[in-house]
Amino acid sequence: MPPFQFAFDPMIDAICVILTGQWSMTTADAYMQAVVDNIRSAPGTARPRKALFDLRNCALHSRDVAEALAEFHARVTPDMDRVALVVASTLDGMQAKRIGKAREVQTFDTVAAARDWLCGG
């Protein structure tokens, strides 16, 4: 399985991203290019404004990877309304909140709780 997967979920009108493993700058660079490619391939101006990140099987990022991802998301996805982060620990959630940029960012223990929040619950 690749270290990142993307899928659009029309039930919650959100992009769902699964991240796994220990990331290097090479992995981060490939992820950032994949995000850009996904944005470019979206029809018209159809850019999701909500995202669900499942980070339960992703190790904490090194400082350089975390900083690169934070800068990237601030520059490329600054208009997100809600980002739900499903994490395995409080520390994972703290790092993910520093990386993820959105008007509202919340951490969750389960995908079900994250989906409910994204739907307005």
PDB file of N, CA and C in Angstrom:
ATOM      1  N   MET A   1       0.850  -1.180   0.000  1.00  0.00           N
ATOM      2  CA  MET A   1       0.000   0.000   0.000  1.00  0.00           C
ATOM      3  C   MET A   1       0.895   1.243   0.000  1.00  0.00           C
ATOM      4  N   PRO A   2       0.577   2.217  -0.849  1.00  0.00           N
ATOM      5  CA  PRO A   2       1.372   3.451  -0.852  1.00  0.00           C
ATOM      6  C   PRO A   2       1.189   4.223   0.454  1.00  0.00           C
ATOM      7  N   PRO A   3       2.109   5.138   0.784  1.00  0.00           N
ATOM      8  CA  PRO A   3       2.022   5.863   2.058  1.00  0.00           C
ATOM      9  C   PRO A   3       0.917   6.910   2.102  1.00  0.00           C
ATOM     10  N   PHE A   4       0.191   7.115   0.992  1.00  0.00           N
ATOM     11  CA  PHE A   4      -0.948   8.028   1.001  1.00  0.00           C
ATOM     12  C   PHE A   4      -1.947   7.595  -0.071  1.00  0.00           C
ATOM     13  N   GLN A   5      -3.217   7.773   0.253  1.00  0.00           N
ATOM     14  CA  GLN A   5      -4.307   7.464  -0.673  1.00  0.00           C
ATOM     15  C   GLN A   5      -5.346   8.566  -0.567  1.00  0.00           C
ATOM     16  N   PHE A   6      -5.956   8.895  -1.705  1.00  0.00           N
ATOM     17  CA  PHE A   6      -6.983   9.926  -1.759  1.00  0.00           C
ATOM     18  C   PHE A   6      -8.269   9.331  -2.325  1.00  0.00           C
ATOM     19  N   ALA A   7      -9.402   9.770  -1.795  1.00  0.00           N
ATOM     20  CA  ALA A   7     -10.698   9.398  -2.361  1.00  0.00           C
ATOM     21  C   ALA A   7     -11.693  10.479  -1.980  1.00  0.00           C
ATOM     22  N   PHE A   8     -12.585  10.814  -2.908  1.00  0.00           N
ATOM     23  CA  PHE A   8     -13.640  11.772  -2.596  1.00  0.00           C
ATOM     24  C   PHE A   8     -14.846  10.996  -2.107  1.00  0.00           C
ATOM     25  N   ASP A   9     -15.419  11.426  -0.990  1.00  0.00           N
ATOM     26  CA  ASP A   9     -16.608  10.779  -0.429  1.00  0.00           C
ATOM     27  C   ASP A   9     -17.791  11.730  -0.585  1.00  0.00           C
ATOM     28  N   PRO A  10     -18.668  11.460  -1.558  1.00  0.00           N
ATOM     29  CA  PRO A  10     -19.800  12.357  -1.781  1.00  0.00           C
ATOM     30  C   PRO A  10     -20.816  12.362  -0.628  1.00  0.00           C
ATOM     31  N   MET A  11     -20.815  11.336   0.198  1.00  0.00           N
ATOM     32  CA  MET A  11     -21.744  11.281   1.335  1.00  0.00           C
ATOM     33  C   MET A  11     -21.450  12.387   2.347  1.00  0.00           C
ATOM     34  N   ILE A  12     -20.183  12.746   2.484  1.00  0.00           N
ATOM     35  CA  ILE A  12     -19.818  13.813   3.420  1.00  0.00           C
ATOM     36  C   ILE A  12     -19.229  15.018   2.692  1.00  0.00           C
ATOM     37  N   ASP A  13     -19.222  14.957   1.362  1.00  0.00           N
ATOM     38  CA  ASP A  13     -18.708  16.044   0.522  1.00  0.00           C
ATOM     39  C   ASP A  13     -17.294  16.439   0.949  1.00  0.00           C
ATOM     40  N   ALA A  14     -16.430  15.432   1.076  1.00  0.00           N
ATOM     41  CA  ALA A  14     -15.075  15.686   1.573  1.00  0.00           C
ATOM     42  C   ALA A  14     -14.070  14.789   0.868  1.00  0.00           C
ATOM     43  N   ILE A  15     -12.844  15.297   0.783  1.00  0.00           N
ATOM     44  CA  ILE A  15     -11.733  14.474   0.328  1.00  0.00           C
ATOM     45  C   ILE A  15     -11.244  13.675   1.540  1.00  0.00           C
ATOM     46  N   CYS A  16     -11.061  12.387   1.347  1.00  0.00           N
ATOM     47  CA  CYS A  16     -10.582  11.520   2.430  1.00  0.00           C
ATOM     48  C   CYS A  16      -9.166  11.075   2.082  1.00  0.00           C
ATOM     49  N   VAL A  17      -8.273  11.244   3.049  1.00  0.00           N
ATOM     50  CA  VAL A  17      -6.858  10.963   2.827  1.00  0.00           C
ATOM     51  C   VAL A  17      -6.391  10.003   3.918  1.00  0.00           C
ATOM     52  N   ILE A  18      -5.752   8.926   3.491  1.00  0.00           N
ATOM     53  CA  ILE A  18      -5.165   7.969   4.431  1.00  0.00           C
ATOM     54  C   ILE A  18      -3.656   8.075   4.299  1.00  0.00           C
ATOM     55  N   LEU A  19      -2.986   8.343   5.419  1.00  0.00           N
ATOM     56  CA  LEU A  19      -1.524   8.441   5.447  1.00  0.00           C
ATOM     57  C   LEU A  19      -0.990   7.304   6.314  1.00  0.00           C
ATOM     58  N   THR A  20       0.090   6.668   5.851  1.00  0.00           N
ATOM     59  CA  THR A  20       0.661   5.550   6.600  1.00  0.00           C
ATOM     60  C   THR A  20       2.181   5.633   6.609  1.00  0.00           C
ATOM     61  N   GLY A  21       2.777   4.959   7.592  1.00  0.00           N
ATOM     62  CA  GLY A  21       4.215   4.773   7.631  1.00  0.00           C
ATOM     63  C   GLY A  21       5.023   5.962   8.114  1.00  0.00           C
ATOM     64  N   GLN A  22       6.326   5.795   8.007  1.00  0.00           N
ATOM     65  CA  GLN A  22       7.302   6.827   8.362  1.00  0.00           C
ATOM     66  C   GLN A  22       7.656   7.589   7.100  1.00  0.00           C
ATOM     67  N   TRP A  23       7.506   8.911   7.124  1.00  0.00           N
ATOM     68  CA  TRP A  23       7.722   9.710   5.924  1.00  0.00           C
ATOM     69  C   TRP A  23       9.102  10.347   5.903  1.00  0.00           C
ATOM     70  N   SER A  24       9.687  10.348   4.713  1.00  0.00           N
ATOM     71  CA  SER A  24      10.925  11.085   4.444  1.00  0.00           C
ATOM     72  C   SER A  24      10.541  12.317   3.626  1.00  0.00           C
ATOM     73  N   MET A  25      11.488  13.165   3.325  1.00  0.00           N
ATOM     74  CA  MET A  25      11.205  14.311   2.451  1.00  0.00           C
ATOM     75  C   MET A  25      10.802  13.828   1.060  1.00  0.00           C
ATOM     76  N   THR A  26      11.333  12.710   0.618  1.00  0.00           N
ATOM     77  CA  THR A  26      10.948  12.152  -0.678  1.00  0.00           C
ATOM     78  C   THR A  26       9.471  11.783  -0.680  1.00  0.00           C
ATOM     79  N   THR A  27       9.012  11.151   0.399  1.00  0.00           N
ATOM     80  CA  THR A  27       7.595  10.799   0.527  1.00  0.00           C
ATOM     81  C   THR A  27       6.738  12.060   0.566  1.00  0.00           C
ATOM     82  N   ALA A  28       7.168  13.047   1.349  1.00  0.00           N
ATOM     83  CA  ALA A  28       6.423  14.302   1.449  1.00  0.00           C
ATOM     84  C   ALA A  28       6.338  14.995   0.095  1.00  0.00           C
ATOM     85  N   ASP A  29       7.436  15.014  -0.645  1.00  0.00           N
ATOM     86  CA  ASP A  29       7.434  15.632  -1.970  1.00  0.00           C
ATOM     87  C   ASP A  29       6.445  14.922  -2.901  1.00  0.00           C
ATOM     88  N   ALA A  30       6.424  13.593  -2.859  1.00  0.00           N
ATOM     89  CA  ALA A  30       5.488  12.830  -3.698  1.00  0.00           C
ATOM     90  C   ALA A  30       4.040  13.118  -3.291  1.00  0.00           C
ATOM     91  N   TYR A  31       3.785  13.210  -1.981  1.00  0.00           N
ATOM     92  CA  TYR A  31       2.443  13.542  -1.486  1.00  0.00           C
ATOM     93  C   TYR A  31       2.023  14.932  -1.970  1.00  0.00           C
ATOM     94  N   MET A  32       2.908  15.908  -1.834  1.00  0.00           N
ATOM     95  CA  MET A  32       2.567  17.275  -2.238  1.00  0.00           C
ATOM     96  C   MET A  32       2.274  17.347  -3.731  1.00  0.00           C
ATOM     97  N   GLN A  33       3.033  16.625  -4.535  1.00  0.00           N
ATOM     98  CA  GLN A  33       2.764  16.597  -5.973  1.00  0.00           C
ATOM     99  C   GLN A  33       1.423  15.917  -6.246  1.00  0.00           C
ATOM    100  N   ALA A  34       1.108  14.859  -5.517  1.00  0.00           N
ATOM    101  CA  ALA A  34      -0.173  14.173  -5.703  1.00  0.00           C
ATOM    102  C   ALA A  34      -1.347  15.078  -5.344  1.00  0.00           C
ATOM    103  N   VAL A  35      -1.198  15.890  -4.301  1.00  0.00           N
ATOM    104  CA  VAL A  35      -2.255  16.842  -3.934  1.00  0.00           C
ATOM    105  C   VAL A  35      -2.461  17.840  -5.067  1.00  0.00           C
ATOM    106  N   VAL A  36      -1.368  18.397  -5.581  1.00  0.00           N
ATOM    107  CA  VAL A  36      -1.459  19.360  -6.682  1.00  0.00           C
ATOM    108  C   VAL A  36      -2.120  18.707  -7.899  1.00  0.00           C
ATOM    109  N   ASP A  37      -1.730  17.478  -8.217  1.00  0.00           N
ATOM    110  CA  ASP A  37      -2.318  16.766  -9.356  1.00  0.00           C
ATOM    111  C   ASP A  37      -3.817  16.547  -9.152  1.00  0.00           C
ATOM    112  N   ASN A  38      -4.217  16.203  -7.926  1.00  0.00           N
ATOM    113  CA  ASN A  38      -5.639  15.999  -7.638  1.00  0.00           C
ATOM    114  C   ASN A  38      -6.427  17.292  -7.786  1.00  0.00           C
ATOM    115  N   ILE A  39      -5.855  18.398  -7.337  1.00  0.00           N
ATOM    116  CA  ILE A  39      -6.531  19.694  -7.468  1.00  0.00           C
ATOM    117  C   ILE A  39      -6.681  20.052  -8.942  1.00  0.00           C
ATOM    118  N   ARG A  40      -5.635  19.845  -9.707  1.00  0.00           N
ATOM    119  CA  ARG A  40      -5.672  20.181 -11.142  1.00  0.00           C
ATOM    120  C   ARG A  40      -6.670  19.314 -11.905  1.00  0.00           C
ATOM    121  N   SER A  41      -6.862  18.073 -11.481  1.00  0.00           N
ATOM    122  CA  SER A  41      -7.750  17.164 -12.207  1.00  0.00           C
ATOM    123  C   SER A  41      -9.215  17.297 -11.783  1.00  0.00           C
ATOM    124  N   ALA A  42      -9.485  18.089 -10.755  1.00  0.00           N
ATOM    125  CA  ALA A  42     -10.875  18.286 -10.322  1.00  0.00           C
ATOM    126  C   ALA A  42     -11.627  19.041 -11.408  1.00  0.00           C
ATOM    127  N   PRO A  43     -12.861  18.629 -11.682  1.00  0.00           N
ATOM    128  CA  PRO A  43     -13.623  19.300 -12.742  1.00  0.00           C
ATOM    129  C   PRO A  43     -13.967  20.744 -12.366  1.00  0.00           C
ATOM    130  N   GLY A  44     -13.716  21.666 -13.304  1.00  0.00           N
ATOM    131  CA  GLY A  44     -14.075  23.072 -13.096  1.00  0.00           C
ATOM    132  C   GLY A  44     -13.456  23.643 -11.836  1.00  0.00           C
ATOM    133  N   THR A  45     -14.297  24.239 -11.026  1.00  0.00           N
ATOM    134  CA  THR A  45     -13.841  24.822  -9.759  1.00  0.00           C
ATOM    135  C   THR A  45     -14.242  23.943  -8.580  1.00  0.00           C
ATOM    136  N   ALA A  46     -14.479  22.665  -8.851  1.00  0.00           N
ATOM    137  CA  ALA A  46     -14.942  21.741  -7.818  1.00  0.00           C
ATOM    138  C   ALA A  46     -13.802  21.338  -6.891  1.00  0.00           C
ATOM    139  N   ARG A  47     -13.479  22.209  -5.950  1.00  0.00           N
ATOM    140  CA  ARG A  47     -12.456  21.889  -4.955  1.00  0.00           C
ATOM    141  C   ARG A  47     -13.142  21.610  -3.637  1.00  0.00           C
ATOM    142  N   PRO A  48     -12.934  20.421  -3.079  1.00  0.00           N
ATOM    143  CA  PRO A  48     -13.548  20.132  -1.781  1.00  0.00           C
ATOM    144  C   PRO A  48     -13.103  21.137  -0.728  1.00  0.00           C
ATOM    145  N   ARG A  49     -14.010  21.502   0.137  1.00  0.00           N
ATOM    146  CA  ARG A  49     -13.698  22.454   1.208  1.00  0.00           C
ATOM    147  C   ARG A  49     -13.651  21.753   2.565  1.00  0.00           C
ATOM    148  N   LYS A  50     -13.787  20.431   2.534  1.00  0.00           N
ATOM    149  CA  LYS A  50     -13.681  19.628   3.754  1.00  0.00           C
ATOM    150  C   LYS A  50     -12.758  18.450   3.477  1.00  0.00           C
ATOM    151  N   ALA A  51     -12.054  18.015   4.530  1.00  0.00           N
ATOM    152  CA  ALA A  51     -11.152  16.875   4.383  1.00  0.00           C
ATOM    153  C   ALA A  51     -11.172  16.035   5.651  1.00  0.00           C
ATOM    154  N   LEU A  52     -11.002  14.740   5.453  1.00  0.00           N
ATOM    155  CA  LEU A  52     -10.850  13.793   6.554  1.00  0.00           C
ATOM    156  C   LEU A  52      -9.511  13.100   6.356  1.00  0.00           C
ATOM    157  N   PHE A  53      -8.618  13.275   7.318  1.00  0.00           N
ATOM    158  CA  PHE A  53      -7.301  12.630   7.277  1.00  0.00           C
ATOM    159  C   PHE A  53      -7.276  11.510   8.304  1.00  0.00           C
ATOM    160  N   ASP A  54      -7.025  10.286   7.847  1.00  0.00           N
ATOM    161  CA  ASP A  54      -6.848   9.149   8.748  1.00  0.00           C
ATOM    162  C   ASP A  54      -5.347   8.961   8.943  1.00  0.00           C
ATOM    163  N   LEU A  55      -4.874   9.345  10.132  1.00  0.00           N
ATOM    164  CA  LEU A  55      -3.447   9.333  10.436  1.00  0.00           C
ATOM    165  C   LEU A  55      -3.073   8.245  11.441  1.00  0.00           C
ATOM    166  N   ARG A  56      -3.993   7.337  11.716  1.00  0.00           N
ATOM    167  CA  ARG A  56      -3.772   6.356  12.787  1.00  0.00           C
ATOM    168  C   ARG A  56      -2.583   5.442  12.529  1.00  0.00           C
ATOM    169  N   ASN A  57      -2.224   5.231  11.270  1.00  0.00           N
ATOM    170  CA  ASN A  57      -1.101   4.348  10.941  1.00  0.00           C
ATOM    171  C   ASN A  57       0.081   5.098  10.358  1.00  0.00           C
ATOM    172  N   CYS A  58       0.151   6.392  10.643  1.00  0.00           N
ATOM    173  CA  CYS A  58       1.252   7.231  10.170  1.00  0.00           C
ATOM    174  C   CYS A  58       2.096   7.644  11.369  1.00  0.00           C
ATOM    175  N   ALA A  59       3.400   7.448  11.262  1.00  0.00           N
ATOM    176  CA  ALA A  59       4.308   7.848  12.342  1.00  0.00           C
ATOM    177  C   ALA A  59       4.405   9.366  12.406  1.00  0.00           C
ATOM    178  N   LEU A  60       4.834   9.872  13.554  1.00  0.00           N
ATOM    179  CA  LEU A  60       5.096  11.305  13.659  1.00  0.00           C
ATOM    180  C   LEU A  60       6.134  11.694  12.607  1.00  0.00           C
ATOM    181  N   HIS A  61       5.966  12.869  12.042  1.00  0.00           N
ATOM    182  CA  HIS A  61       6.900  13.344  11.023  1.00  0.00           C
ATOM    183  C   HIS A  61       8.115  13.989  11.680  1.00  0.00           C
ATOM    184  N   SER A  62       9.242  13.908  10.987  1.00  0.00           N
ATOM    185  CA  SER A  62      10.429  14.644  11.426  1.00  0.00           C
ATOM    186  C   SER A  62      10.128  16.130  11.277  1.00  0.00           C
ATOM    187  N   ARG A  63      10.945  16.957  11.909  1.00  0.00           N
ATOM    188  CA  ARG A  63      10.711  18.400  11.867  1.00  0.00           C
ATOM    189  C   ARG A  63      10.709  18.934  10.437  1.00  0.00           C
ATOM    190  N   ASP A  64      11.663  18.504   9.592  1.00  0.00           N
ATOM    191  CA  ASP A  64      11.710  19.033   8.230  1.00  0.00           C
ATOM    192  C   ASP A  64      10.496  18.626   7.410  1.00  0.00           C
ATOM    193  N   VAL A  65      10.033  17.402   7.575  1.00  0.00           N
ATOM    194  CA  VAL A  65       8.838  16.952   6.865  1.00  0.00           C
ATOM    195  C   VAL A  65       7.611  17.727   7.362  1.00  0.00           C
ATOM    196  N   ALA A  66       7.458  17.859   8.671  1.00  0.00           N
ATOM    197  CA  ALA A  66       6.307  18.576   9.231  1.00  0.00           C
ATOM    198  C   ALA A  66       6.287  20.029   8.770  1.00  0.00           C
ATOM    199  N   GLU A  67       7.444  20.686   8.775  1.00  0.00           N
ATOM    200  CA  GLU A  67       7.512  22.090   8.337  1.00  0.00           C
ATOM    201  C   GLU A  67       7.183  22.226   6.851  1.00  0.00           C
ATOM    202  N   ALA A  68       7.679  21.312   6.034  1.00  0.00           N
ATOM    203  CA  ALA A  68       7.391  21.362   4.597  1.00  0.00           C
ATOM    204  C   ALA A  68       5.904  21.154   4.339  1.00  0.00           C
ATOM    205  N   LEU A  69       5.293  20.210   5.041  1.00  0.00           N
ATOM    206  CA  LEU A  69       3.863  19.955   4.858  1.00  0.00           C
ATOM    207  C   LEU A  69       3.018  21.126   5.342  1.00  0.00           C
ATOM    208  N   ALA A  70       3.394  21.733   6.455  1.00  0.00           N
ATOM    209  CA  ALA A  70       2.649  22.890   6.973  1.00  0.00           C
ATOM    210  C   ALA A  70       2.716  24.052   5.989  1.00  0.00           C
ATOM    211  N   GLU A  71       3.895  24.333   5.467  1.00  0.00           N
ATOM    212  CA  GLU A  71       4.048  25.414   4.491  1.00  0.00           C
ATOM    213  C   GLU A  71       3.252  25.119   3.234  1.00  0.00           C
ATOM    214  N   PHE A  72       3.305  23.881   2.787  1.00  0.00           N
ATOM    215  CA  PHE A  72       2.579  23.475   1.580  1.00  0.00           C
ATOM    216  C   PHE A  72       1.075  23.674   1.756  1.00  0.00           C
ATOM    217  N   HIS A  73       0.523  23.172   2.854  1.00  0.00           N
ATOM    218  CA  HIS A  73      -0.925  23.290   3.057  1.00  0.00           C
ATOM    219  C   HIS A  73      -1.355  24.747   3.250  1.00  0.00           C
ATOM    220  N   ALA A  74      -0.525  25.551   3.869  1.00  0.00           N
ATOM    221  CA  ALA A  74      -0.851  26.972   4.026  1.00  0.00           C
ATOM    222  C   ALA A  74      -0.911  27.669   2.668  1.00  0.00           C
ATOM    223  N   ARG A  75      -0.072  27.233   1.761  1.00  0.00           N
ATOM    224  CA  ARG A  75       0.009  27.859   0.439  1.00  0.00           C
ATOM    225  C   ARG A  75      -0.998  27.281  -0.551  1.00  0.00           C
ATOM    226  N   VAL A  76      -1.208  25.956  -0.523  1.00  0.00           N
ATOM    227  CA  VAL A  76      -1.976  25.286  -1.574  1.00  0.00           C
ATOM    228  C   VAL A  76      -3.427  25.010  -1.179  1.00  0.00           C
ATOM    229  N   THR A  77      -3.692  24.787   0.085  1.00  0.00           N
ATOM    230  CA  THR A  77      -5.071  24.472   0.503  1.00  0.00           C
ATOM    231  C   THR A  77      -5.538  25.403   1.621  1.00  0.00           C
ATOM    232  N   PRO A  78      -5.391  26.711   1.444  1.00  0.00           N
ATOM    233  CA  PRO A  78      -5.738  27.631   2.540  1.00  0.00           C
ATOM    234  C   PRO A  78      -7.234  27.858   2.719  1.00  0.00           C
ATOM    235  N   ASP A  79      -8.035  27.422   1.762  1.00  0.00           N
ATOM    236  CA  ASP A  79      -9.464  27.735   1.802  1.00  0.00           C
ATOM    237  C   ASP A  79     -10.330  26.589   2.313  1.00  0.00           C
ATOM    238  N   MET A  80      -9.741  25.652   3.022  1.00  0.00           N
ATOM    239  CA  MET A  80     -10.522  24.552   3.587  1.00  0.00           C
ATOM    240  C   MET A  80     -11.391  25.075   4.732  1.00  0.00           C
ATOM    241  N   ASP A  81     -12.634  24.606   4.775  1.00  0.00           N
ATOM    242  CA  ASP A  81     -13.535  25.004   5.851  1.00  0.00           C
ATOM    243  C   ASP A  81     -13.347  24.133   7.091  1.00  0.00           C
ATOM    244  N   ARG A  82     -13.358  22.823   6.881  1.00  0.00           N
ATOM    245  CA  ARG A  82     -13.237  21.887   8.002  1.00  0.00           C
ATOM    246  C   ARG A  82     -12.270  20.773   7.654  1.00  0.00           C
ATOM    247  N   VAL A  83     -11.397  20.454   8.610  1.00  0.00           N
ATOM    248  CA  VAL A  83     -10.495  19.322   8.469  1.00  0.00           C
ATOM    249  C   VAL A  83     -10.638  18.460   9.717  1.00  0.00           C
ATOM    250  N   ALA A  84     -10.985  17.198   9.501  1.00  0.00           N
ATOM    251  CA  ALA A  84     -11.098  16.225  10.582  1.00  0.00           C
ATOM    252  C   ALA A  84      -9.865  15.332  10.553  1.00  0.00           C
ATOM    253  N   LEU A  85      -9.229  15.183  11.704  1.00  0.00           N
ATOM    254  CA  LEU A  85      -8.005  14.395  11.834  1.00  0.00           C
ATOM    255  C   LEU A  85      -8.270  13.213  12.746  1.00  0.00           C
ATOM    256  N   VAL A  86      -8.180  12.004  12.194  1.00  0.00           N
ATOM    257  CA  VAL A  86      -8.350  10.797  13.004  1.00  0.00           C
ATOM    258  C   VAL A  86      -6.952  10.344  13.389  1.00  0.00           C
ATOM    259  N   VAL A  87      -6.671  10.366  14.692  1.00  0.00           N
ATOM    260  CA  VAL A  87      -5.310  10.135  15.183  1.00  0.00           C
ATOM    261  C   VAL A  87      -5.276   9.029  16.236  1.00  0.00           C
ATOM    262  N   ALA A  88      -4.083   8.488  16.430  1.00  0.00           N
ATOM    263  CA  ALA A  88      -3.885   7.419  17.400  1.00  0.00           C
ATOM    264  C   ALA A  88      -3.496   7.937  18.778  1.00  0.00           C
ATOM    265  N   SER A  89      -3.010   9.190  18.850  1.00  0.00           N
ATOM    266  CA  SER A  89      -2.566   9.720  20.139  1.00  0.00           C
ATOM    267  C   SER A  89      -2.717  11.237  20.174  1.00  0.00           C
ATOM    268  N   THR A  90      -2.642  11.789  21.365  1.00  0.00           N
ATOM    269  CA  THR A  90      -2.705  13.239  21.531  1.00  0.00           C
ATOM    270  C   THR A  90      -1.534  13.912  20.830  1.00  0.00           C
ATOM    271  N   LEU A  91      -0.347  13.311  20.916  1.00  0.00           N
ATOM    272  CA  LEU A  91       0.833  13.877  20.264  1.00  0.00           C
ATOM    273  C   LEU A  91       0.657  13.918  18.745  1.00  0.00           C
ATOM    274  N   ASP A  92       0.107  12.833  18.180  1.00  0.00           N
ATOM    275  CA  ASP A  92      -0.174  12.823  16.744  1.00  0.00           C
ATOM    276  C   ASP A  92      -1.121  13.970  16.379  1.00  0.00           C
ATOM    277  N   GLY A  93      -2.135  14.173  17.201  1.00  0.00           N
ATOM    278  CA  GLY A  93      -3.111  15.238  16.956  1.00  0.00           C
ATOM    279  C   GLY A  93      -2.492  16.615  17.022  1.00  0.00           C
ATOM    280  N   MET A  94      -1.585  16.811  17.969  1.00  0.00           N
ATOM    281  CA  MET A  94      -0.930  18.112  18.096  1.00  0.00           C
ATOM    282  C   MET A  94      -0.120  18.435  16.845  1.00  0.00           C
ATOM    283  N   GLN A  95       0.653  17.453  16.351  1.00  0.00           N
ATOM    284  CA  GLN A  95       1.453  17.692  15.160  1.00  0.00           C
ATOM    285  C   GLN A  95       0.549  17.916  13.947  1.00  0.00           C
ATOM    286  N   ALA A  96      -0.486  17.108  13.825  1.00  0.00           N
ATOM    287  CA  ALA A  96      -1.383  17.223  12.673  1.00  0.00           C
ATOM    288  C   ALA A  96      -2.084  18.577  12.647  1.00  0.00           C
ATOM    289  N   LYS A  97      -2.452  19.101  13.795  1.00  0.00           N
ATOM    290  CA  LYS A  97      -3.104  20.413  13.835  1.00  0.00           C
ATOM    291  C   LYS A  97      -2.154  21.524  13.398  1.00  0.00           C
ATOM    292  N   ARG A  98      -0.869  21.366  13.673  1.00  0.00           N
ATOM    293  CA  ARG A  98       0.102  22.371  13.221  1.00  0.00           C
ATOM    294  C   ARG A  98       0.291  22.317  11.705  1.00  0.00           C
ATOM    295  N   ILE A  99       0.110  21.131  11.127  1.00  0.00           N
ATOM    296  CA  ILE A  99       0.290  20.963   9.683  1.00  0.00           C
ATOM    297  C   ILE A  99      -0.982  21.351   8.934  1.00  0.00           C
ATOM    298  N   GLY A 100      -2.123  20.881   9.411  1.00  0.00           N
ATOM    299  CA  GLY A 100      -3.389  21.099   8.718  1.00  0.00           C
ATOM    300  C   GLY A 100      -3.873  22.530   8.847  1.00  0.00           C
ATOM    301  N   LYS A 101      -4.312  23.084   7.737  1.00  0.00           N
ATOM    302  CA  LYS A 101      -4.813  24.454   7.729  1.00  0.00           C
ATOM    303  C   LYS A 101      -6.274  24.438   7.316  1.00  0.00           C
ATOM    304  N   ALA A 102      -7.119  25.023   8.137  1.00  0.00           N
ATOM    305  CA  ALA A 102      -8.545  25.145   7.823  1.00  0.00           C
ATOM    306  C   ALA A 102      -9.158  26.112   8.815  1.00  0.00           C
ATOM    307  N   ARG A 103     -10.353  26.560   8.506  1.00  0.00           N
ATOM    308  CA  ARG A 103     -11.060  27.439   9.432  1.00  0.00           C
ATOM    309  C   ARG A 103     -11.358  26.699  10.740  1.00  0.00           C
ATOM    310  N   GLU A 104     -11.704  25.406  10.610  1.00  0.00           N
ATOM    311  CA  GLU A 104     -11.959  24.562  11.781  1.00  0.00           C
ATOM    312  C   GLU A 104     -11.188  23.261  11.617  1.00  0.00           C
ATOM    313  N   VAL A 105     -10.434  22.887  12.636  1.00  0.00           N
ATOM    314  CA  VAL A 105      -9.692  21.623  12.642  1.00  0.00           C
ATOM    315  C   VAL A 105      -9.985  20.927  13.960  1.00  0.00           C
ATOM    316  N   GLN A 106     -10.374  19.651  13.883  1.00  0.00           N
ATOM    317  CA  GLN A 106     -10.670  18.862  15.080  1.00  0.00           C
ATOM    318  C   GLN A 106     -10.001  17.506  14.969  1.00  0.00           C
ATOM    319  N   THR A 107      -9.637  16.949  16.118  1.00  0.00           N
ATOM    320  CA  THR A 107      -9.092  15.594  16.145  1.00  0.00           C
ATOM    321  C   THR A 107     -10.142  14.635  16.693  1.00  0.00           C
ATOM    322  N   PHE A 108     -10.046  13.380  16.234  1.00  0.00           N
ATOM    323  CA  PHE A 108     -11.010  12.345  16.611  1.00  0.00           C
ATOM    324  C   PHE A 108     -10.296  11.013  16.798  1.00  0.00           C
ATOM    325  N   ASP A 109     -10.937  10.144  17.576  1.00  0.00           N
ATOM    326  CA  ASP A 109     -10.420   8.785  17.779  1.00  0.00           C
ATOM    327  C   ASP A 109     -10.923   7.822  16.716  1.00  0.00           C
ATOM    328  N   THR A 110     -12.064   8.146  16.102  1.00  0.00           N
ATOM    329  CA  THR A 110     -12.673   7.231  15.138  1.00  0.00           C
ATOM    330  C   THR A 110     -13.074   7.966  13.862  1.00  0.00           C
ATOM    331  N   VAL A 111     -13.097   7.222  12.778  1.00  0.00           N
ATOM    332  CA  VAL A 111     -13.540   7.771  11.502  1.00  0.00           C
ATOM    333  C   VAL A 111     -15.014   8.146  11.584  1.00  0.00           C
ATOM    334  N   ALA A 112     -15.818   7.344  12.272  1.00  0.00           N
ATOM    335  CA  ALA A 112     -17.255   7.629  12.386  1.00  0.00           C
ATOM    336  C   ALA A 112     -17.505   8.986  13.040  1.00  0.00           C
ATOM    337  N   ALA A 113     -16.796   9.294  14.108  1.00  0.00           N
ATOM    338  CA  ALA A 113     -16.960  10.581  14.786  1.00  0.00           C
ATOM    339  C   ALA A 113     -16.507  11.727  13.880  1.00  0.00           C
ATOM    340  N   ALA A 114     -15.425  11.523  13.135  1.00  0.00           N
ATOM    341  CA  ALA A 114     -14.928  12.549  12.215  1.00  0.00           C
ATOM    342  C   ALA A 114     -15.941  12.809  11.106  1.00  0.00           C
ATOM    343  N   ARG A 115     -16.508  11.738  10.553  1.00  0.00           N
ATOM    344  CA  ARG A 115     -17.507  11.891   9.495  1.00  0.00           C
ATOM    345  C   ARG A 115     -18.737  12.641  10.011  1.00  0.00           C
ATOM    346  N   ASP A 116     -19.166  12.313  11.206  1.00  0.00           N
ATOM    347  CA  ASP A 116     -20.326  12.993  11.798  1.00  0.00           C
ATOM    348  C   ASP A 116     -20.056  14.490  11.923  1.00  0.00           C
ATOM    349  N   TRP A 117     -18.896  14.864  12.409  1.00  0.00           N
ATOM    350  CA  TRP A 117     -18.546  16.278  12.570  1.00  0.00           C
ATOM    351  C   TRP A 117     -18.490  16.988  11.217  1.00  0.00           C
ATOM    352  N   LEU A 118     -17.926  16.319  10.211  1.00  0.00           N
ATOM    353  CA  LEU A 118     -17.852  16.937   8.888  1.00  0.00           C
ATOM    354  C   LEU A 118     -19.239  17.172   8.296  1.00  0.00           C
ATOM    355  N   CYS A 119     -20.190  16.334   8.679  1.00  0.00           N
ATOM    356  CA  CYS A 119     -21.566  16.490   8.186  1.00  0.00           C
ATOM    357  C   CYS A 119     -22.335  17.550   8.974  1.00  0.00           C
ATOM    358  N   GLY A 120     -21.671  18.172   9.927  1.00  0.00           N
ATOM    359  CA  GLY A 120     -22.319  19.237  10.689  1.00  0.00           C
ATOM    360  C   GLY A 120     -22.768  18.828  12.062  1.00  0.00           C
ATOM    361  N   GLY A 121     -22.422  17.598  12.451  1.00  0.00           N
ATOM    362  CA  GLY A 121     -22.838  17.094  13.765  1.00  0.00           C
ATOM    363  C   GLY A 121     -22.022  17.585  14.905  1.00  0.00           C
TER     364      GLY A 121
END
